[in-house]
Amino acid sequence: MTARTSTETARDIPEATVARLPVYLRALVTLADSGTTTCSSEELARAAGVNSAKLRKDLSYLGSYGTRGVGYDVDYLRYQIAREIGVTQDWPVVIVGIGNLGHALANFSGFRSRGFRVVALLDADPARQGELVAGVDVRPFDELDEIVGEQSVAIGVIATPAVAAQAVADRMVTAGITSILNFAPTVIEVPEGVDVRKVDLSIELQILAYHEQRKSGVHVAPDAREQVS
């Protein structure tokens, strides 16, 4: 088995562009909420944190939605990007692992507003089962297959400790889940046709620590480096 991290879209949009489309969508939502109805590529690029040339190239893969001298209709472009990335429909999601992180994810209000509906919270710990989190009952992990079948779930979220993540992923794949968001601090392997996105907060913090160290001019001594695995 090999780890998959992305899927080519039917229109062969580059993966780097696909990764930026949700950023553009978020920027457009913010602009719309502030009352902005049209914006230039420069304004949208600034709101999204990219350069305008890159933004124009990315949007060219979707079609021609801008008007020369006017810019982009914010609501229309927002809809087109949302449709392209599939969040104009309602995606049922299951979360496995209802510890601190699982609780936080279950309570995240952004799921619903972005086209995702948490239909089940699952945990193998009997002590967790029966809890009510964000209005959803925590159910036994053994019910995964039944829930996936009943709710037509294609997306699963893993919020378990690392030691359990691979077994959870295997069970998700067997149940019919074809996309996995992995928060466990480990690499999971899945068969061809199953997509995995990994979110590792500790890695992101370590990257920030690297940049902070460079800004402060602190250098790690050779003997200190040897002690870091």
C-alpha atoms as a PDB file:
ATOM      1  CA  MET A   1       0.000   0.000   0.000  1.00  0.00           C
ATOM      2  CA  THR A   2       1.132   3.565  -0.680  1.00  0.00           C
ATOM      3  CA  ALA A   3       0.192   6.796   1.009  1.00  0.00           C
ATOM      4  CA  ARG A   4      -1.877   9.140  -1.135  1.00  0.00           C
ATOM      5  CA  THR A   5      -2.124  12.793  -0.287  1.00  0.00           C
ATOM      6  CA  SER A   6      -4.098  14.286  -3.141  1.00  0.00           C
ATOM      7  CA  THR A   7      -6.362  13.656  -6.099  1.00  0.00           C
ATOM      8  CA  GLU A   8      -6.286  15.103  -9.572  1.00  0.00           C
ATOM      9  CA  THR A   9      -9.525  16.841 -10.380  1.00  0.00           C
ATOM     10  CA  ALA A  10     -11.518  16.000 -13.472  1.00  0.00           C
ATOM     11  CA  ARG A  11     -10.263  19.217 -15.093  1.00  0.00           C
ATOM     12  CA  ASP A  12      -6.628  18.483 -14.239  1.00  0.00           C
ATOM     13  CA  ILE A  13      -6.185  21.555 -12.076  1.00  0.00           C
ATOM     14  CA  PRO A  14      -2.662  21.520 -10.570  1.00  0.00           C
ATOM     15  CA  GLU A  15      -2.540  20.372  -6.960  1.00  0.00           C
ATOM     16  CA  ALA A  16      -0.882  23.611  -5.839  1.00  0.00           C
ATOM     17  CA  THR A  17      -3.842  25.500  -7.293  1.00  0.00           C
ATOM     18  CA  VAL A  18      -6.357  23.130  -5.674  1.00  0.00           C
ATOM     19  CA  ALA A  19      -4.679  23.778  -2.318  1.00  0.00           C
ATOM     20  CA  ARG A  20      -5.128  27.543  -2.756  1.00  0.00           C
ATOM     21  CA  LEU A  21      -8.780  27.491  -3.863  1.00  0.00           C
ATOM     22  CA  PRO A  22     -10.103  27.176  -0.271  1.00  0.00           C
ATOM     23  CA  VAL A  23      -7.897  30.150   0.671  1.00  0.00           C
ATOM     24  CA  TYR A  24      -9.478  32.220  -2.103  1.00  0.00           C
ATOM     25  CA  LEU A  25     -12.921  31.064  -1.013  1.00  0.00           C
ATOM     26  CA  ARG A  26     -12.261  32.146   2.569  1.00  0.00           C
ATOM     27  CA  ALA A  27     -11.013  35.535   1.356  1.00  0.00           C
ATOM     28  CA  LEU A  28     -14.124  35.989  -0.798  1.00  0.00           C
ATOM     29  CA  VAL A  29     -16.400  35.122   2.135  1.00  0.00           C
ATOM     30  CA  THR A  30     -14.618  37.736   4.239  1.00  0.00           C
ATOM     31  CA  LEU A  31     -14.961  40.336   1.491  1.00  0.00           C
ATOM     32  CA  ALA A  32     -18.658  39.545   1.045  1.00  0.00           C
ATOM     33  CA  ASP A  33     -19.267  39.769   4.789  1.00  0.00           C
ATOM     34  CA  SER A  34     -17.687  43.234   4.780  1.00  0.00           C
ATOM     35  CA  GLY A  35     -20.101  44.384   2.079  1.00  0.00           C
ATOM     36  CA  THR A  36     -17.710  44.191  -0.876  1.00  0.00           C
ATOM     37  CA  THR A  37     -19.515  43.235  -4.100  1.00  0.00           C
ATOM     38  CA  THR A  38     -16.675  43.487  -6.622  1.00  0.00           C
ATOM     39  CA  CYS A  39     -12.910  43.298  -6.235  1.00  0.00           C
ATOM     40  CA  SER A  40      -9.839  43.436  -8.417  1.00  0.00           C
ATOM     41  CA  SER A  41      -7.365  40.588  -8.663  1.00  0.00           C
ATOM     42  CA  GLU A  42      -4.941  42.692  -6.617  1.00  0.00           C
ATOM     43  CA  GLU A  43      -7.502  43.144  -3.828  1.00  0.00           C
ATOM     44  CA  LEU A  44      -8.415  39.464  -3.767  1.00  0.00           C
ATOM     45  CA  ALA A  45      -4.761  38.421  -3.883  1.00  0.00           C
ATOM     46  CA  ARG A  46      -3.969  40.706  -0.956  1.00  0.00           C
ATOM     47  CA  ALA A  47      -6.891  39.293   1.042  1.00  0.00           C
ATOM     48  CA  ALA A  48      -5.718  35.749   0.279  1.00  0.00           C
ATOM     49  CA  GLY A  49      -2.037  36.426   0.953  1.00  0.00           C
ATOM     50  CA  VAL A  50      -0.736  35.563  -2.540  1.00  0.00           C
ATOM     51  CA  ASN A  51       0.558  37.613  -5.465  1.00  0.00           C
ATOM     52  CA  SER A  52      -1.969  38.709  -8.074  1.00  0.00           C
ATOM     53  CA  ALA A  53      -0.247  36.959 -10.993  1.00  0.00           C
ATOM     54  CA  LYS A  54      -0.490  33.614  -9.198  1.00  0.00           C
ATOM     55  CA  LEU A  55      -4.137  34.253  -8.343  1.00  0.00           C
ATOM     56  CA  ARG A  56      -5.034  35.118 -11.954  1.00  0.00           C
ATOM     57  CA  LYS A  57      -3.296  31.982 -13.190  1.00  0.00           C
ATOM     58  CA  ASP A  58      -5.074  29.838 -10.604  1.00  0.00           C
ATOM     59  CA  LEU A  59      -8.488  31.250 -11.483  1.00  0.00           C
ATOM     60  CA  SER A  60      -7.825  30.773 -15.200  1.00  0.00           C
ATOM     61  CA  TYR A  61      -8.118  27.019 -14.640  1.00  0.00           C
ATOM     62  CA  LEU A  62     -11.724  27.528 -13.543  1.00  0.00           C
ATOM     63  CA  GLY A  63     -12.800  29.702 -16.461  1.00  0.00           C
ATOM     64  CA  SER A  64     -13.142  33.390 -17.206  1.00  0.00           C
ATOM     65  CA  TYR A  65     -14.992  35.019 -14.326  1.00  0.00           C
ATOM     66  CA  GLY A  66     -13.385  38.454 -14.239  1.00  0.00           C
ATOM     67  CA  THR A  67     -14.372  41.572 -16.221  1.00  0.00           C
ATOM     68  CA  ARG A  68     -11.620  43.834 -17.515  1.00  0.00           C
ATOM     69  CA  GLY A  69     -11.744  47.195 -15.776  1.00  0.00           C
ATOM     70  CA  VAL A  70     -14.305  45.936 -13.245  1.00  0.00           C
ATOM     71  CA  GLY A  71     -12.770  42.901 -11.562  1.00  0.00           C
ATOM     72  CA  TYR A  72     -14.576  39.956 -10.024  1.00  0.00           C
ATOM     73  CA  ASP A  73     -18.148  39.698  -8.818  1.00  0.00           C
ATOM     74  CA  VAL A  74     -17.466  38.501  -5.260  1.00  0.00           C
ATOM     75  CA  ASP A  75     -20.619  36.415  -4.775  1.00  0.00           C
ATOM     76  CA  TYR A  76     -20.436  34.823  -8.215  1.00  0.00           C
ATOM     77  CA  LEU A  77     -16.764  33.908  -7.930  1.00  0.00           C
ATOM     78  CA  ARG A  78     -17.353  32.590  -4.420  1.00  0.00           C
ATOM     79  CA  TYR A  79     -20.062  30.283  -5.752  1.00  0.00           C
ATOM     80  CA  GLN A  80     -17.928  29.091  -8.673  1.00  0.00           C
ATOM     81  CA  ILE A  81     -14.975  28.219  -6.421  1.00  0.00           C
ATOM     82  CA  ALA A  82     -17.252  26.543  -3.867  1.00  0.00           C
ATOM     83  CA  ARG A  83     -18.796  24.480  -6.658  1.00  0.00           C
ATOM     84  CA  GLU A  84     -15.403  23.546  -8.066  1.00  0.00           C
ATOM     85  CA  ILE A  85     -14.103  22.230  -4.748  1.00  0.00           C
ATOM     86  CA  GLY A  86     -17.393  20.528  -3.932  1.00  0.00           C
ATOM     87  CA  VAL A  87     -18.637  22.442  -0.913  1.00  0.00           C
ATOM     88  CA  THR A  88     -21.932  23.532  -2.412  1.00  0.00           C
ATOM     89  CA  GLN A  89     -23.233  20.128  -1.384  1.00  0.00           C
ATOM     90  CA  ASP A  90     -23.593  18.602   2.070  1.00  0.00           C
ATOM     91  CA  TRP A  91     -20.755  16.175   2.931  1.00  0.00           C
ATOM     92  CA  PRO A  92     -21.383  13.784   5.842  1.00  0.00           C
ATOM     93  CA  VAL A  93     -18.303  13.333   8.036  1.00  0.00           C
ATOM     94  CA  VAL A  94     -17.398  10.959  10.863  1.00  0.00           C
ATOM     95  CA  ILE A  95     -14.822  11.794  13.541  1.00  0.00           C
ATOM     96  CA  VAL A  96     -13.009   8.937  15.276  1.00  0.00           C
ATOM     97  CA  GLY A  97     -11.262   9.631  18.573  1.00  0.00           C
ATOM     98  CA  ILE A  98     -13.152  11.907  20.948  1.00  0.00           C
ATOM     99  CA  GLY A  99     -10.403  13.095  23.246  1.00  0.00           C
ATOM    100  CA  ASN A 100      -9.498  16.756  23.636  1.00  0.00           C
ATOM    101  CA  LEU A 101      -8.801  17.212  19.922  1.00  0.00           C
ATOM    102  CA  GLY A 102     -11.881  15.264  18.899  1.00  0.00           C
ATOM    103  CA  HIS A 103     -14.020  17.431  21.162  1.00  0.00           C
ATOM    104  CA  ALA A 104     -12.555  20.581  19.626  1.00  0.00           C
ATOM    105  CA  LEU A 105     -13.183  19.328  16.098  1.00  0.00           C
ATOM    106  CA  ALA A 106     -16.742  18.285  16.925  1.00  0.00           C
ATOM    107  CA  ASN A 107     -17.432  21.765  18.289  1.00  0.00           C
ATOM    108  CA  PHE A 108     -15.901  23.554  15.300  1.00  0.00           C
ATOM    109  CA  SER A 109     -18.702  25.670  13.842  1.00  0.00           C
ATOM    110  CA  GLY A 110     -16.912  26.059  10.525  1.00  0.00           C
ATOM    111  CA  PHE A 111     -17.813  22.554   9.364  1.00  0.00           C
ATOM    112  CA  ARG A 112     -21.462  23.326   8.758  1.00  0.00           C
ATOM    113  CA  SER A 113     -20.864  26.696   7.114  1.00  0.00           C
ATOM    114  CA  ARG A 114     -18.336  25.156   4.711  1.00  0.00           C
ATOM    115  CA  GLY A 115     -20.450  22.253   3.475  1.00  0.00           C
ATOM    116  CA  PHE A 116     -19.623  19.520   6.009  1.00  0.00           C
ATOM    117  CA  ARG A 117     -21.989  17.823   8.442  1.00  0.00           C
ATOM    118  CA  VAL A 118     -20.661  15.728  11.334  1.00  0.00           C
ATOM    119  CA  VAL A 119     -23.010  12.740  11.379  1.00  0.00           C
ATOM    120  CA  ALA A 120     -21.187  10.618  13.954  1.00  0.00           C
ATOM    121  CA  LEU A 121     -18.570  10.749  16.704  1.00  0.00           C
ATOM    122  CA  LEU A 122     -16.917   7.419  17.432  1.00  0.00           C
ATOM    123  CA  ASP A 123     -14.595   6.188  20.154  1.00  0.00           C
ATOM    124  CA  ALA A 124     -13.387   2.768  21.249  1.00  0.00           C
ATOM    125  CA  ASP A 125     -13.288   3.797  24.927  1.00  0.00           C
ATOM    126  CA  PRO A 126     -16.530   2.727  26.671  1.00  0.00           C
ATOM    127  CA  ALA A 127     -16.095   5.640  29.080  1.00  0.00           C
ATOM    128  CA  ARG A 128     -16.511   8.081  26.191  1.00  0.00           C
ATOM    129  CA  GLN A 129     -19.542   6.413  24.673  1.00  0.00           C
ATOM    130  CA  GLY A 130     -22.840   8.054  25.471  1.00  0.00           C
ATOM    131  CA  GLU A 131     -21.321  11.528  25.837  1.00  0.00           C
ATOM    132  CA  LEU A 132     -23.099  14.327  24.018  1.00  0.00           C
ATOM    133  CA  VAL A 133     -20.660  16.551  22.153  1.00  0.00           C
ATOM    134  CA  ALA A 134     -21.954  19.462  20.080  1.00  0.00           C
ATOM    135  CA  GLY A 135     -25.348  17.796  20.027  1.00  0.00           C
ATOM    136  CA  VAL A 136     -24.028  14.480  18.715  1.00  0.00           C
ATOM    137  CA  ASP A 137     -23.855  11.258  20.733  1.00  0.00           C
ATOM    138  CA  VAL A 138     -20.476   9.509  20.977  1.00  0.00           C
ATOM    139  CA  ARG A 139     -20.990   5.981  19.664  1.00  0.00           C
ATOM    140  CA  PRO A 140     -18.850   2.827  19.766  1.00  0.00           C
ATOM    141  CA  PHE A 141     -16.182   2.595  17.079  1.00  0.00           C
ATOM    142  CA  ASP A 142     -17.568  -0.829  16.130  1.00  0.00           C
ATOM    143  CA  GLU A 143     -20.586   0.938  14.617  1.00  0.00           C
ATOM    144  CA  LEU A 144     -18.449   2.599  11.925  1.00  0.00           C
ATOM    145  CA  ASP A 145     -19.464   0.259   9.095  1.00  0.00           C
ATOM    146  CA  GLU A 146     -23.154   0.671   9.862  1.00  0.00           C
ATOM    147  CA  ILE A 147     -22.915   4.475  10.028  1.00  0.00           C
ATOM    148  CA  VAL A 148     -20.921   4.762   6.809  1.00  0.00           C
ATOM    149  CA  GLY A 149     -23.498   2.657   5.006  1.00  0.00           C
ATOM    150  CA  GLU A 150     -26.522   4.451   6.427  1.00  0.00           C
ATOM    151  CA  GLN A 151     -25.183   7.992   5.947  1.00  0.00           C
ATOM    152  CA  SER A 152     -23.182   7.440   2.725  1.00  0.00           C
ATOM    153  CA  VAL A 153     -20.067   8.787   4.443  1.00  0.00           C
ATOM    154  CA  ALA A 154     -17.053   9.349   2.192  1.00  0.00           C
ATOM    155  CA  ILE A 155     -14.925  11.480   4.552  1.00  0.00           C
ATOM    156  CA  GLY A 156     -13.460  10.347   7.856  1.00  0.00           C
ATOM    157  CA  VAL A 157     -11.433  12.301  10.405  1.00  0.00           C
ATOM    158  CA  ILE A 158      -8.861  10.536  12.590  1.00  0.00           C
ATOM    159  CA  ALA A 159      -8.197  12.253  15.929  1.00  0.00           C
ATOM    160  CA  THR A 160      -6.828   9.230  17.800  1.00  0.00           C
ATOM    161  CA  PRO A 161      -3.399   8.679  19.354  1.00  0.00           C
ATOM    162  CA  ALA A 162      -0.752   7.704  16.798  1.00  0.00           C
ATOM    163  CA  VAL A 163      -0.686   4.055  17.875  1.00  0.00           C
ATOM    164  CA  ALA A 164      -4.320   3.570  16.847  1.00  0.00           C
ATOM    165  CA  ALA A 165      -4.357   5.614  13.644  1.00  0.00           C
ATOM    166  CA  GLN A 166      -3.405   2.907  11.129  1.00  0.00           C
ATOM    167  CA  ALA A 167      -5.977   0.451  12.451  1.00  0.00           C
ATOM    168  CA  VAL A 168      -8.645   3.168  12.324  1.00  0.00           C
ATOM    169  CA  ALA A 169      -7.650   4.053   8.750  1.00  0.00           C
ATOM    170  CA  ASP A 170      -7.812   0.394   7.722  1.00  0.00           C
ATOM    171  CA  ARG A 171     -11.280   0.083   9.199  1.00  0.00           C
ATOM    172  CA  MET A 172     -12.410   3.289   7.487  1.00  0.00           C
ATOM    173  CA  VAL A 173     -11.231   2.010   4.117  1.00  0.00           C
ATOM    174  CA  THR A 174     -12.960  -1.336   4.649  1.00  0.00           C
ATOM    175  CA  ALA A 175     -16.175   0.496   5.556  1.00  0.00           C
ATOM    176  CA  GLY A 176     -16.059   2.451   2.293  1.00  0.00           C
ATOM    177  CA  ILE A 177     -14.545   5.803   3.288  1.00  0.00           C
ATOM    178  CA  THR A 178     -12.419   7.164   0.456  1.00  0.00           C
ATOM    179  CA  SER A 179     -11.054  10.412   1.946  1.00  0.00           C
ATOM    180  CA  ILE A 180      -9.318  10.722   5.323  1.00  0.00           C
ATOM    181  CA  LEU A 181      -8.208  13.766   7.297  1.00  0.00           C
ATOM    182  CA  ASN A 182      -5.516  12.552   9.680  1.00  0.00           C
ATOM    183  CA  PHE A 183      -4.707  14.535  12.823  1.00  0.00           C
ATOM    184  CA  ALA A 184      -2.761  11.682  14.444  1.00  0.00           C
ATOM    185  CA  PRO A 185       0.998  12.379  14.583  1.00  0.00           C
ATOM    186  CA  THR A 186       1.930   9.496  12.312  1.00  0.00           C
ATOM    187  CA  VAL A 187       1.919   8.530   8.641  1.00  0.00           C
ATOM    188  CA  ILE A 188      -0.855   6.150   7.619  1.00  0.00           C
ATOM    189  CA  GLU A 189      -0.884   3.937   4.552  1.00  0.00           C
ATOM    190  CA  VAL A 190      -3.962   3.528   2.388  1.00  0.00           C
ATOM    191  CA  PRO A 191      -4.724   1.756  -0.872  1.00  0.00           C
ATOM    192  CA  GLU A 192      -4.864   3.402  -4.270  1.00  0.00           C
ATOM    193  CA  GLY A 193      -7.996   5.488  -4.647  1.00  0.00           C
ATOM    194  CA  VAL A 194      -8.102   6.678  -1.037  1.00  0.00           C
ATOM    195  CA  ASP A 195      -6.929  10.217  -0.353  1.00  0.00           C
ATOM    196  CA  VAL A 196      -5.255  11.329   2.863  1.00  0.00           C
ATOM    197  CA  ARG A 197      -4.620  14.837   4.123  1.00  0.00           C
ATOM    198  CA  LYS A 198      -2.397  15.090   7.182  1.00  0.00           C
ATOM    199  CA  VAL A 199      -2.574  17.878   9.754  1.00  0.00           C
ATOM    200  CA  ASP A 200       0.305  17.899  12.245  1.00  0.00           C
ATOM    201  CA  LEU A 201       0.239  20.897  14.574  1.00  0.00           C
ATOM    202  CA  SER A 202       3.580  20.011  16.166  1.00  0.00           C
ATOM    203  CA  ILE A 203       5.321  20.157  12.781  1.00  0.00           C
ATOM    204  CA  GLU A 204       3.826  23.567  12.065  1.00  0.00           C
ATOM    205  CA  LEU A 205       5.046  24.807  15.448  1.00  0.00           C
ATOM    206  CA  GLN A 206       8.511  23.424  14.782  1.00  0.00           C
ATOM    207  CA  ILE A 207       8.630  25.284  11.469  1.00  0.00           C
ATOM    208  CA  LEU A 208       7.721  28.482  13.296  1.00  0.00           C
ATOM    209  CA  ALA A 209      10.410  27.749  15.888  1.00  0.00           C
ATOM    210  CA  TYR A 210      12.957  27.434  13.086  1.00  0.00           C
ATOM    211  CA  HIS A 211      12.027  30.843  11.711  1.00  0.00           C
ATOM    212  CA  GLU A 212      12.051  32.400  15.189  1.00  0.00           C
ATOM    213  CA  GLN A 213      15.512  30.985  15.796  1.00  0.00           C
ATOM    214  CA  ARG A 214      16.800  32.455  12.540  1.00  0.00           C
ATOM    215  CA  LYS A 215      15.257  35.859  13.292  1.00  0.00           C
ATOM    216  CA  SER A 216      16.846  35.921  16.724  1.00  0.00           C
ATOM    217  CA  GLY A 217      20.249  34.907  15.379  1.00  0.00           C
ATOM    218  CA  VAL A 218      20.467  31.907  17.707  1.00  0.00           C
ATOM    219  CA  HIS A 219      22.536  29.025  16.336  1.00  0.00           C
ATOM    220  CA  VAL A 220      22.385  25.449  17.591  1.00  0.00           C
ATOM    221  CA  ALA A 221      25.754  24.120  18.728  1.00  0.00           C
ATOM    222  CA  PRO A 222      26.977  20.913  17.006  1.00  0.00           C
ATOM    223  CA  ASP A 223      26.763  18.865  20.214  1.00  0.00           C
ATOM    224  CA  ALA A 224      23.175  20.041  20.747  1.00  0.00           C
ATOM    225  CA  ARG A 225      22.228  19.009  17.230  1.00  0.00           C
ATOM    226  CA  GLU A 226      23.615  15.528  17.836  1.00  0.00           C
ATOM    227  CA  GLN A 227      21.232  15.117  20.766  1.00  0.00           C
ATOM    228  CA  VAL A 228      18.143  15.903  18.721  1.00  0.00           C
ATOM    229  CA  SER A 229      16.627  12.890  16.994  1.00  0.00           C
END
